[in-house]
Amino acid sequence: MSKEIKFSVSSLSESPAKTHIQTRGFNLTVDEPESLGGTNEAPNPVEYILAGYAGCINVVAHIIAEELDFFLENLQINIDGFLNPDRLFGKSLQERAGYKQIDVRLETTTEIDPELKKRWIDEISHRCPVNDNLTNQTPISFSIN
């Protein structure tokens, strides 16, 4: 039987577009760009998703590189996410509210054999928890006190 690790955040709204969040003793701020009603003082929620994804890929990529017996140098992870804000703003229900497409580009100065590179990428996509959350539906429950 596997063990579960619980991660938690607590947030307090400062305005309709700005939230202060605490997790494990760290303080984060979420804000929207001015064009979306915010003050542009921090990344917005969907940017944090991409940042979390990049951070997770970084950890998993290094773990797997070590397992495959190669040293990973100068890993750069670039991620672009594309979404249509129409559902968010109640203009249309035709498209989903979240990302329609996410493109991940990895760059490294390490020379990797093409077959090993494919195995490395496949393992990253199969083992990265954030990738799993983005590609599979996760049960979510809401409650209000």
C-alpha atoms as a PDB file:
ATOM      1  CA  MET A   1       0.000   0.000   0.000  1.00  0.00           C
ATOM      2  CA  SER A   2       1.405   3.385  -0.952  1.00  0.00           C
ATOM      3  CA  LYS A   3       1.687   6.346   1.376  1.00  0.00           C
ATOM      4  CA  GLU A   4      -0.001   9.619   0.581  1.00  0.00           C
ATOM      5  CA  ILE A   5       1.662  12.963   1.106  1.00  0.00           C
ATOM      6  CA  LYS A   6      -0.682  15.850   1.813  1.00  0.00           C
ATOM      7  CA  PHE A   7       0.071  19.331   0.500  1.00  0.00           C
ATOM      8  CA  SER A   8      -2.071  22.281   1.591  1.00  0.00           C
ATOM      9  CA  VAL A   9      -2.462  25.976   0.943  1.00  0.00           C
ATOM     10  CA  SER A  10      -4.471  28.644   2.722  1.00  0.00           C
ATOM     11  CA  SER A  11      -5.461  31.869   1.034  1.00  0.00           C
ATOM     12  CA  LEU A  12      -6.997  35.211   1.910  1.00  0.00           C
ATOM     13  CA  SER A  13      -8.550  37.416  -0.745  1.00  0.00           C
ATOM     14  CA  GLU A  14      -7.302  41.004  -0.901  1.00  0.00           C
ATOM     15  CA  SER A  15      -9.430  41.959  -3.909  1.00  0.00           C
ATOM     16  CA  PRO A  16     -11.400  40.215  -6.659  1.00  0.00           C
ATOM     17  CA  ALA A  17      -8.129  39.706  -8.578  1.00  0.00           C
ATOM     18  CA  LYS A  18      -5.531  39.422  -5.807  1.00  0.00           C
ATOM     19  CA  THR A  19      -5.028  36.640  -3.256  1.00  0.00           C
ATOM     20  CA  HIS A  20      -2.372  36.018  -0.618  1.00  0.00           C
ATOM     21  CA  ILE A  21      -1.485  32.365  -0.120  1.00  0.00           C
ATOM     22  CA  GLN A  22       0.509  30.511   2.531  1.00  0.00           C
ATOM     23  CA  THR A  23       1.999  27.044   2.175  1.00  0.00           C
ATOM     24  CA  ARG A  24       4.676  25.379   4.329  1.00  0.00           C
ATOM     25  CA  GLY A  25       5.707  28.777   5.729  1.00  0.00           C
ATOM     26  CA  PHE A  26       6.003  30.389   2.292  1.00  0.00           C
ATOM     27  CA  ASN A  27       3.947  33.396   1.250  1.00  0.00           C
ATOM     28  CA  LEU A  28       2.760  33.720  -2.326  1.00  0.00           C
ATOM     29  CA  THR A  29       0.666  36.322  -4.047  1.00  0.00           C
ATOM     30  CA  VAL A  30      -1.625  35.649  -6.975  1.00  0.00           C
ATOM     31  CA  ASP A  31      -2.745  38.600  -9.067  1.00  0.00           C
ATOM     32  CA  GLU A  32      -4.022  39.260 -12.561  1.00  0.00           C
ATOM     33  CA  PRO A  33      -2.539  41.545 -15.183  1.00  0.00           C
ATOM     34  CA  GLU A  34      -4.189  44.952 -15.440  1.00  0.00           C
ATOM     35  CA  SER A  35      -5.876  43.838 -18.678  1.00  0.00           C
ATOM     36  CA  LEU A  36      -7.779  41.212 -16.620  1.00  0.00           C
ATOM     37  CA  GLY A  37      -8.690  43.522 -13.717  1.00  0.00           C
ATOM     38  CA  GLY A  38      -5.635  43.041 -11.514  1.00  0.00           C
ATOM     39  CA  THR A  39      -2.730  45.193 -10.418  1.00  0.00           C
ATOM     40  CA  ASN A  40      -0.081  43.052 -12.164  1.00  0.00           C
ATOM     41  CA  GLU A  41       1.894  42.581  -8.929  1.00  0.00           C
ATOM     42  CA  ALA A  42       2.268  38.794  -9.193  1.00  0.00           C
ATOM     43  CA  PRO A  43       1.667  35.873 -11.550  1.00  0.00           C
ATOM     44  CA  ASN A  44      -1.924  34.822 -12.142  1.00  0.00           C
ATOM     45  CA  PRO A  45      -3.296  31.343 -11.316  1.00  0.00           C
ATOM     46  CA  VAL A  46      -2.749  29.851 -14.763  1.00  0.00           C
ATOM     47  CA  GLU A  47       0.833  31.161 -14.818  1.00  0.00           C
ATOM     48  CA  TYR A  48       1.410  29.477 -11.453  1.00  0.00           C
ATOM     49  CA  ILE A  49       0.170  26.226 -12.981  1.00  0.00           C
ATOM     50  CA  LEU A  50       2.821  26.507 -15.704  1.00  0.00           C
ATOM     51  CA  ALA A  51       5.462  27.478 -13.124  1.00  0.00           C
ATOM     52  CA  GLY A  52       4.553  24.483 -10.990  1.00  0.00           C
ATOM     53  CA  TYR A  53       4.666  22.278 -14.062  1.00  0.00           C
ATOM     54  CA  ALA A  54       8.160  23.542 -14.952  1.00  0.00           C
ATOM     55  CA  GLY A  55       9.342  22.979 -11.391  1.00  0.00           C
ATOM     56  CA  CYS A  56       7.956  19.446 -11.336  1.00  0.00           C
ATOM     57  CA  ILE A  57       9.481  18.597 -14.712  1.00  0.00           C
ATOM     58  CA  ASN A  58      12.827  19.879 -13.458  1.00  0.00           C
ATOM     59  CA  VAL A  59      12.799  17.568 -10.415  1.00  0.00           C
ATOM     60  CA  VAL A  60      11.565  14.515 -12.327  1.00  0.00           C
ATOM     61  CA  ALA A  61      13.919  15.112 -15.283  1.00  0.00           C
ATOM     62  CA  HIS A  62      16.935  15.083 -12.971  1.00  0.00           C
ATOM     63  CA  ILE A  63      15.753  12.002 -11.063  1.00  0.00           C
ATOM     64  CA  ILE A  64      15.273  10.070 -14.298  1.00  0.00           C
ATOM     65  CA  ALA A  65      18.532  11.288 -15.834  1.00  0.00           C
ATOM     66  CA  GLU A  66      20.344   9.922 -12.784  1.00  0.00           C
ATOM     67  CA  GLU A  67      18.465   6.618 -13.075  1.00  0.00           C
ATOM     68  CA  LEU A  68      19.394   6.418 -16.768  1.00  0.00           C
ATOM     69  CA  ASP A  69      22.998   7.178 -15.828  1.00  0.00           C
ATOM     70  CA  PHE A  70      23.590  10.519 -17.467  1.00  0.00           C
ATOM     71  CA  PHE A  71      24.358  13.922 -15.975  1.00  0.00           C
ATOM     72  CA  LEU A  72      21.919  16.627 -16.994  1.00  0.00           C
ATOM     73  CA  GLU A  73      23.549  20.010 -17.608  1.00  0.00           C
ATOM     74  CA  ASN A  74      21.900  23.385 -18.072  1.00  0.00           C
ATOM     75  CA  LEU A  75      18.309  22.169 -18.272  1.00  0.00           C
ATOM     76  CA  GLN A  76      15.995  24.897 -19.496  1.00  0.00           C
ATOM     77  CA  ILE A  77      12.249  24.288 -19.506  1.00  0.00           C
ATOM     78  CA  ASN A  78      10.020  26.553 -21.584  1.00  0.00           C
ATOM     79  CA  ILE A  79       6.262  26.113 -21.384  1.00  0.00           C
ATOM     80  CA  ASP A  80       3.501  27.886 -23.286  1.00  0.00           C
ATOM     81  CA  GLY A  81      -0.161  27.463 -22.389  1.00  0.00           C
ATOM     82  CA  PHE A  82      -3.052  28.544 -24.577  1.00  0.00           C
ATOM     83  CA  LEU A  83      -6.527  29.257 -23.237  1.00  0.00           C
ATOM     84  CA  ASN A  84      -9.622  31.104 -24.339  1.00  0.00           C
ATOM     85  CA  PRO A  85     -10.994  33.368 -21.540  1.00  0.00           C
ATOM     86  CA  ASP A  86     -14.570  33.400 -22.915  1.00  0.00           C
ATOM     87  CA  ARG A  87     -15.862  30.776 -20.462  1.00  0.00           C
ATOM     88  CA  LEU A  88     -14.147  32.492 -17.516  1.00  0.00           C
ATOM     89  CA  PHE A  89     -15.959  35.723 -18.332  1.00  0.00           C
ATOM     90  CA  GLY A  90     -19.289  34.010 -19.110  1.00  0.00           C
ATOM     91  CA  LYS A  91     -19.244  34.936 -22.790  1.00  0.00           C
ATOM     92  CA  SER A  92     -19.416  31.394 -24.154  1.00  0.00           C
ATOM     93  CA  LEU A  93     -19.673  27.835 -22.915  1.00  0.00           C
ATOM     94  CA  GLN A  94     -18.347  26.417 -26.184  1.00  0.00           C
ATOM     95  CA  GLU A  95     -14.771  25.914 -24.995  1.00  0.00           C
ATOM     96  CA  ARG A  96     -13.332  24.728 -21.721  1.00  0.00           C
ATOM     97  CA  ALA A  97     -12.139  27.302 -19.184  1.00  0.00           C
ATOM     98  CA  GLY A  98      -8.671  25.799 -18.810  1.00  0.00           C
ATOM     99  CA  TYR A  99      -5.738  25.392 -21.112  1.00  0.00           C
ATOM    100  CA  LYS A 100      -6.596  24.044 -24.551  1.00  0.00           C
ATOM    101  CA  GLN A 101      -2.972  23.217 -25.291  1.00  0.00           C
ATOM    102  CA  ILE A 102       0.283  23.217 -23.338  1.00  0.00           C
ATOM    103  CA  ASP A 103       3.611  23.007 -25.170  1.00  0.00           C
ATOM    104  CA  VAL A 104       6.729  21.950 -23.241  1.00  0.00           C
ATOM    105  CA  ARG A 105      10.208  22.465 -24.694  1.00  0.00           C
ATOM    106  CA  LEU A 106      13.261  21.089 -22.910  1.00  0.00           C
ATOM    107  CA  GLU A 107      16.775  22.270 -23.716  1.00  0.00           C
ATOM    108  CA  THR A 108      20.028  20.951 -22.325  1.00  0.00           C
ATOM    109  CA  THR A 109      23.690  21.096 -23.267  1.00  0.00           C
ATOM    110  CA  THR A 110      23.979  17.389 -22.436  1.00  0.00           C
ATOM    111  CA  GLU A 111      24.457  15.194 -25.490  1.00  0.00           C
ATOM    112  CA  ILE A 112      21.789  12.478 -25.292  1.00  0.00           C
ATOM    113  CA  ASP A 113      21.412   9.559 -27.683  1.00  0.00           C
ATOM    114  CA  PRO A 114      18.042   9.880 -29.538  1.00  0.00           C
ATOM    115  CA  GLU A 115      16.724   6.563 -28.171  1.00  0.00           C
ATOM    116  CA  LEU A 116      17.731   7.486 -24.618  1.00  0.00           C
ATOM    117  CA  LYS A 117      16.227  10.959 -25.090  1.00  0.00           C
ATOM    118  CA  LYS A 118      12.874   9.420 -26.060  1.00  0.00           C
ATOM    119  CA  ARG A 119      12.954   7.105 -23.039  1.00  0.00           C
ATOM    120  CA  TRP A 120      13.853  10.055 -20.778  1.00  0.00           C
ATOM    121  CA  ILE A 121      10.970  12.210 -22.102  1.00  0.00           C
ATOM    122  CA  ASP A 122       8.495   9.312 -21.874  1.00  0.00           C
ATOM    123  CA  GLU A 123       9.475   8.683 -18.251  1.00  0.00           C
ATOM    124  CA  ILE A 124       9.157  12.381 -17.393  1.00  0.00           C
ATOM    125  CA  SER A 125       5.641  12.532 -18.816  1.00  0.00           C
ATOM    126  CA  HIS A 126       4.607   9.304 -17.030  1.00  0.00           C
ATOM    127  CA  ARG A 127       6.080  10.148 -13.620  1.00  0.00           C
ATOM    128  CA  CYS A 128       5.641  13.918 -13.201  1.00  0.00           C
ATOM    129  CA  PRO A 129       2.770  14.467 -10.704  1.00  0.00           C
ATOM    130  CA  VAL A 130       1.818  17.821 -12.220  1.00  0.00           C
ATOM    131  CA  ASN A 131       1.737  16.281 -15.701  1.00  0.00           C
ATOM    132  CA  ASP A 132      -0.568  13.612 -14.285  1.00  0.00           C
ATOM    133  CA  ASN A 133      -2.875  16.265 -12.810  1.00  0.00           C
ATOM    134  CA  LEU A 134      -2.974  18.183 -16.080  1.00  0.00           C
ATOM    135  CA  THR A 135      -3.686  15.148 -18.243  1.00  0.00           C
ATOM    136  CA  ASN A 136      -6.101  13.224 -15.997  1.00  0.00           C
ATOM    137  CA  GLN A 137      -9.236  14.233 -14.187  1.00  0.00           C
ATOM    138  CA  THR A 138      -8.731  14.540 -10.436  1.00  0.00           C
ATOM    139  CA  PRO A 139     -11.752  14.304  -8.119  1.00  0.00           C
ATOM    140  CA  ILE A 140     -12.374  17.667  -6.431  1.00  0.00           C
ATOM    141  CA  SER A 141     -14.843  18.396  -3.671  1.00  0.00           C
ATOM    142  CA  PHE A 142     -16.107  21.826  -2.634  1.00  0.00           C
ATOM    143  CA  SER A 143     -17.617  22.803   0.699  1.00  0.00           C
ATOM    144  CA  ILE A 144     -18.550  26.090   2.329  1.00  0.00           C
ATOM    145  CA  ASN A 145     -18.558  26.965   6.021  1.00  0.00           C
END
